[in-house]
Amino acid sequence: MHRTTITAIVFLAVLNPAQLLADVPSIIPENIRLIRQVSPEIRGNWRVIEIRDDQADSLVHVAPSEPEMIINFEDGSFGLSAGCNGVGGDIFARDGEHHVVGDMFSTMILCVEELDEQERRLWRAFPENGHYHRVADYLHLFGENGQLMLTLVTTTD
């Protein structure tokens, strides 16, 4: 009997695959609720003090003369700014892990070249997935490969 059932299924799949698939219930939910959350320990504004430029071997200190780069974490979202455009999106950050949920967005204001380049630096260095480690007033963001990408210090804003 088992062999007959398998033969019938194979026959239906060859004869009319659309009908066979129509009878199979979908196991993928249509509306998946994305989990967005940010741990209270990292909420607020953070100023970038060290950044890894592209694939550099080490972090580079951000000079006081450079445009200030700020990362903001709120409950379920984040934002990046270097003084002109804003970049942001939804995020899950808890228990030392962080993951951007969905697509990031950006405003499209025409900026002076110095601000534009600083924002691109920040956007390239921001790890969309990885882990974080907070030590007192400092927050370290690591990429998926474990490489330290950004060192931040809390701001009073």
Protein backbone atom coordinates (compact mmCIF):
# COMPACT_ATOMS: atom_id res chain seq x y z
CA MET A 1 0.00 0.00 0.00
CA HIS A 2 2.83 2.37 0.81
CA ARG A 3 4.40 1.78 -2.61
CA THR A 4 1.04 2.56 -4.29
CA THR A 5 0.74 5.90 -2.47
CA ILE A 6 4.24 6.95 -3.48
CA THR A 7 3.56 5.93 -7.09
CA ALA A 8 0.35 8.00 -7.09
CA ILE A 9 2.15 11.07 -5.72
CA VAL A 10 4.92 10.77 -8.31
CA PHE A 11 2.32 10.29 -11.06
CA LEU A 12 0.44 13.45 -9.92
CA ALA A 13 3.67 15.43 -9.71
CA VAL A 14 4.55 14.52 -13.30
CA LEU A 15 1.04 14.87 -14.67
CA ASN A 16 -0.03 18.05 -12.85
CA PRO A 17 2.59 19.61 -10.55
CA ALA A 18 0.50 22.77 -9.99
CA GLN A 19 -2.36 20.72 -8.53
CA LEU A 20 0.00 18.84 -6.24
CA LEU A 21 1.53 22.09 -4.95
CA ALA A 22 -1.92 23.66 -4.50
CA ASP A 23 -2.86 20.85 -2.12
CA VAL A 24 0.28 21.26 -0.01
CA PRO A 25 -0.25 23.75 2.83
CA SER A 26 2.21 26.64 3.03
CA ILE A 27 4.57 26.49 5.98
CA ILE A 28 5.76 30.06 5.51
CA PRO A 29 3.68 32.58 7.49
CA GLU A 30 2.38 35.45 5.40
CA ASN A 31 2.85 38.11 8.07
CA ILE A 32 6.00 37.65 10.09
CA ARG A 33 6.23 40.15 12.94
CA LEU A 34 9.78 41.44 13.03
CA ILE A 35 11.36 41.51 16.47
CA ARG A 36 12.79 44.95 17.13
CA GLN A 37 14.33 45.76 20.46
CA VAL A 38 17.28 47.64 21.95
CA SER A 39 18.70 46.81 25.35
CA PRO A 40 18.43 49.73 27.83
CA GLU A 41 22.20 49.59 28.39
CA ILE A 42 22.93 50.95 24.91
CA ARG A 43 19.97 53.31 24.37
CA GLY A 44 20.80 56.95 23.79
CA ASN A 45 23.34 58.97 21.82
CA TRP A 46 26.89 57.78 21.26
CA ARG A 47 29.78 59.71 19.67
CA VAL A 48 32.25 57.81 17.49
CA ILE A 49 35.80 58.17 18.79
CA GLU A 50 37.45 55.36 16.78
CA ILE A 51 36.51 53.93 13.40
CA ARG A 52 37.81 51.19 11.13
CA ASP A 53 38.11 52.60 7.63
CA ASP A 54 37.17 49.92 5.11
CA GLN A 55 39.55 46.98 5.63
CA ALA A 56 42.20 48.78 7.71
CA ASP A 57 44.26 46.69 10.12
CA SER A 58 43.34 48.84 13.12
CA LEU A 59 40.97 51.53 14.29
CA VAL A 60 41.66 55.17 13.50
CA HIS A 61 41.09 57.85 16.13
CA VAL A 62 38.52 60.46 15.06
CA ALA A 63 40.20 63.85 15.39
CA PRO A 64 38.33 66.70 17.12
CA SER A 65 38.67 68.71 13.88
CA GLU A 66 36.64 66.11 11.93
CA PRO A 67 32.84 66.32 11.67
CA GLU A 68 31.26 64.60 14.68
CA MET A 69 29.71 61.19 14.03
CA ILE A 70 26.75 60.19 16.23
CA ILE A 71 24.94 56.86 16.57
CA ASN A 72 21.62 56.81 18.37
CA PHE A 73 19.88 53.70 19.68
CA GLU A 74 16.22 53.84 20.71
CA ASP A 75 13.78 51.06 21.45
CA GLY A 76 13.84 49.04 18.24
CA SER A 77 15.66 51.55 16.02
CA PHE A 78 18.99 53.19 15.36
CA GLY A 79 20.25 56.29 13.57
CA LEU A 80 23.62 57.39 12.19
CA SER A 81 24.62 60.98 11.47
CA ALA A 82 27.68 63.06 10.73
CA GLY A 83 25.90 66.40 10.61
CA CYS A 84 23.95 66.40 7.34
CA ASN A 85 21.99 63.31 6.29
CA GLY A 86 20.52 60.69 8.56
CA VAL A 87 20.80 56.94 8.11
CA GLY A 88 18.77 54.53 10.17
CA GLY A 89 16.50 51.57 10.45
CA ASP A 90 15.09 48.93 12.74
CA ILE A 91 17.41 46.89 14.93
CA PHE A 92 17.45 44.05 17.43
CA ALA A 93 20.20 44.57 20.02
CA ARG A 94 20.18 42.51 23.18
CA ASP A 95 22.49 40.27 25.19
CA GLY A 96 25.56 41.50 23.33
CA GLU A 97 24.22 40.74 19.84
CA HIS A 98 22.87 43.20 17.28
CA HIS A 99 21.14 42.70 13.94
CA VAL A 100 19.65 45.28 11.59
CA VAL A 101 16.11 44.18 10.82
CA GLY A 102 15.04 44.92 7.25
CA ASP A 103 16.49 47.66 5.09
CA MET A 104 18.31 50.77 6.23
CA PHE A 105 17.11 54.17 4.99
CA SER A 106 18.84 57.48 4.32
CA THR A 107 17.81 61.04 3.76
CA MET A 108 19.15 62.52 0.52
CA ILE A 109 20.20 66.09 1.35
CA LEU A 110 23.04 67.54 -0.74
CA CYS A 111 25.89 67.95 1.75
CA VAL A 112 29.25 69.63 1.63
CA GLU A 113 31.92 67.13 0.59
CA GLU A 114 33.51 66.88 4.04
CA LEU A 115 30.23 65.89 5.73
CA ASP A 116 29.25 63.60 2.87
CA GLU A 117 32.54 61.67 3.11
CA GLN A 118 32.29 61.41 6.91
CA GLU A 119 28.76 59.98 6.63
CA ARG A 120 29.90 57.42 4.06
CA ARG A 121 32.77 56.40 6.39
CA LEU A 122 30.33 55.87 9.23
CA TRP A 123 27.83 53.97 7.10
CA ARG A 124 30.56 51.63 5.76
CA ALA A 125 31.95 50.96 9.24
CA PHE A 126 28.61 50.38 10.98
CA PRO A 127 28.21 46.61 11.35
CA GLU A 128 24.68 45.59 10.40
CA ASN A 129 25.14 42.27 12.19
CA GLY A 130 27.55 41.41 14.94
CA HIS A 131 27.94 41.96 18.62
CA TYR A 132 28.50 44.80 21.05
CA HIS A 133 30.27 45.22 24.35
CA ARG A 134 29.70 48.09 26.76
CA VAL A 135 32.37 49.04 29.30
CA ALA A 136 31.37 52.02 31.50
CA ASP A 137 30.82 54.99 29.12
CA TYR A 138 32.26 53.18 26.09
CA LEU A 139 30.48 50.97 23.55
CA HIS A 140 32.38 48.72 21.13
CA LEU A 141 30.64 47.47 17.97
CA PHE A 142 32.02 44.35 16.30
CA GLY A 143 31.21 42.92 12.87
CA GLU A 144 30.04 39.37 12.16
CA ASN A 145 33.65 38.24 11.80
CA GLY A 146 34.52 39.53 15.30
CA GLN A 147 36.49 42.53 14.01
CA LEU A 148 36.13 45.71 16.10
CA MET A 149 34.57 48.33 13.81
CA LEU A 150 33.63 51.28 16.04
CA THR A 151 34.39 52.60 19.50
CA LEU A 152 31.79 54.99 20.87
CA VAL A 153 31.48 57.13 23.98
CA THR A 154 28.18 58.11 25.53
CA THR A 155 27.07 61.72 25.12
CA THR A 156 25.02 63.87 27.46
CA ASP A 157 22.56 64.90 24.71
